[in-house]
């Protein structure tokens, strides 16, 4: 994963009214591609249920989607920690650690 430039990571700052993150085009395309595949998997699960596919097969597909979503979450978390969190700590904003821990607790449920 690329280290963001100062201009890219400045978007993570809380100085404005709305916080935003900047992802490189490569990162964004990777995330969107993964999410598109997940979206297709979810549509496939819906179709399986409509066709009365055996429950165990549907549950295995659900587990696959959950794993894929966890992968997307890990990528986003890694980028967030390497850019936004570091930047905010360097700016003296230690509240970002509480925010990060809350988010991580939600991801681990």
Protein backbone atom coordinates (compact mmCIF):
# COMPACT_ATOMS: atom_id res chain seq x y z
CA UNK A 1 0.00 0.00 0.00
CA UNK A 2 1.31 3.42 -0.92
CA UNK A 3 2.12 6.01 1.72
CA UNK A 4 -0.14 9.01 1.13
CA UNK A 5 1.36 12.34 0.21
CA UNK A 6 0.81 15.35 2.44
CA UNK A 7 -1.91 16.61 0.11
CA UNK A 8 -3.70 13.27 0.19
CA UNK A 9 -3.56 12.80 3.94
CA UNK A 10 -4.61 16.41 4.57
CA UNK A 11 -8.10 15.31 3.57
CA UNK A 12 -8.25 13.26 6.78
CA UNK A 13 -7.93 16.37 8.88
CA UNK A 14 -10.79 17.41 11.14
CA UNK A 15 -10.19 21.08 10.39
CA UNK A 16 -13.21 21.38 8.09
CA UNK A 17 -16.86 20.70 8.79
CA UNK A 18 -16.79 17.34 7.02
CA UNK A 19 -14.04 14.76 7.41
CA UNK A 20 -13.05 12.97 4.26
CA UNK A 21 -10.53 10.34 3.37
CA UNK A 22 -8.53 10.26 0.19
CA UNK A 23 -7.76 6.99 -1.48
CA UNK A 24 -5.45 6.71 -4.46
CA UNK A 25 -7.16 5.66 -7.68
CA UNK A 26 -5.55 2.23 -7.33
CA UNK A 27 -6.86 1.77 -3.77
CA UNK A 28 -10.29 3.03 -4.72
CA UNK A 29 -10.49 0.71 -7.74
CA UNK A 30 -9.42 -2.25 -5.61
CA UNK A 31 -12.08 -1.50 -3.00
CA UNK A 32 -14.79 -0.92 -5.59
CA UNK A 33 -13.88 -4.10 -7.44
CA UNK A 34 -14.09 -6.13 -4.23
CA UNK A 35 -17.40 -4.53 -3.31
CA UNK A 36 -18.80 -5.23 -6.77
CA UNK A 37 -17.92 -8.92 -6.35
CA UNK A 38 -19.54 -8.94 -2.92
CA UNK A 39 -22.64 -7.30 -4.35
CA UNK A 40 -22.81 -10.07 -6.96
CA UNK A 41 -22.42 -12.70 -4.24
CA UNK A 42 -25.30 -11.19 -2.26
CA UNK A 43 -27.50 -11.21 -5.37
CA UNK A 44 -26.49 -14.84 -5.86
CA UNK A 45 -27.56 -15.67 -2.31
CA UNK A 46 -30.91 -14.02 -2.93
CA UNK A 47 -31.32 -16.14 -6.04
CA UNK A 48 -30.40 -19.27 -4.10
CA UNK A 49 -33.10 -18.54 -1.55
CA UNK A 50 -35.63 -17.85 -4.31
CA UNK A 51 -34.74 -21.25 -5.84
CA UNK A 52 -35.02 -23.06 -2.49
CA UNK A 53 -31.36 -24.13 -2.55
CA UNK A 54 -30.31 -26.33 0.38
CA UNK A 55 -29.81 -24.19 3.51
CA UNK A 56 -26.26 -25.38 4.17
CA UNK A 57 -25.18 -24.22 0.70
CA UNK A 58 -26.74 -20.80 1.29
CA UNK A 59 -25.10 -20.51 4.70
CA UNK A 60 -21.71 -21.30 3.17
CA UNK A 61 -22.21 -18.49 0.66
CA UNK A 62 -23.19 -16.12 3.47
CA UNK A 63 -19.96 -17.04 5.30
CA UNK A 64 -18.05 -16.29 2.10
CA UNK A 65 -19.65 -12.83 1.82
CA UNK A 66 -18.88 -12.08 5.47
CA UNK A 67 -15.25 -13.04 4.92
CA UNK A 68 -15.05 -10.85 1.81
CA UNK A 69 -16.52 -7.88 3.71
CA UNK A 70 -13.99 -8.43 6.49
CA UNK A 71 -11.25 -8.23 3.86
CA UNK A 72 -12.53 -4.88 2.63
CA UNK A 73 -12.75 -3.68 6.23
CA UNK A 74 -9.15 -4.71 6.89
CA UNK A 75 -7.92 -2.79 3.85
CA UNK A 76 -9.82 0.33 4.89
CA UNK A 77 -8.61 0.03 8.47
CA UNK A 78 -5.00 -0.31 7.34
CA UNK A 79 -5.27 2.78 5.12
CA UNK A 80 -7.03 4.73 7.86
CA UNK A 81 -4.35 3.91 10.41
CA UNK A 82 -1.47 4.68 8.04
CA UNK A 83 -2.90 8.03 7.00
CA UNK A 84 -5.69 9.66 8.98
CA UNK A 85 -4.84 8.29 12.43
CA UNK A 86 -1.15 9.10 12.16
CA UNK A 87 -1.88 12.58 10.85
CA UNK A 88 -4.34 13.40 13.60
CA UNK A 89 -1.98 12.14 16.31
CA UNK A 90 0.80 14.30 14.83
CA UNK A 91 -1.61 17.24 15.03
CA UNK A 92 -2.08 16.49 18.75
CA UNK A 93 -5.58 15.04 18.36
CA UNK A 94 -5.48 12.00 20.63
CA UNK A 95 -9.28 11.62 20.47
CA UNK A 96 -8.68 9.71 17.24
CA UNK A 97 -7.47 6.76 19.35
CA UNK A 98 -10.83 6.51 21.13
CA UNK A 99 -12.58 6.76 17.77
CA UNK A 100 -10.33 4.04 16.33
CA UNK A 101 -10.90 1.69 19.28
CA UNK A 102 -14.67 2.15 19.00
CA UNK A 103 -14.52 1.36 15.30
CA UNK A 104 -12.32 -1.69 15.85
CA UNK A 105 -14.73 -3.01 18.50
CA UNK A 106 -17.58 -2.70 15.99
CA UNK A 107 -15.54 -4.54 13.33
CA UNK A 108 -14.77 -7.39 15.73
CA UNK A 109 -18.36 -8.16 16.69
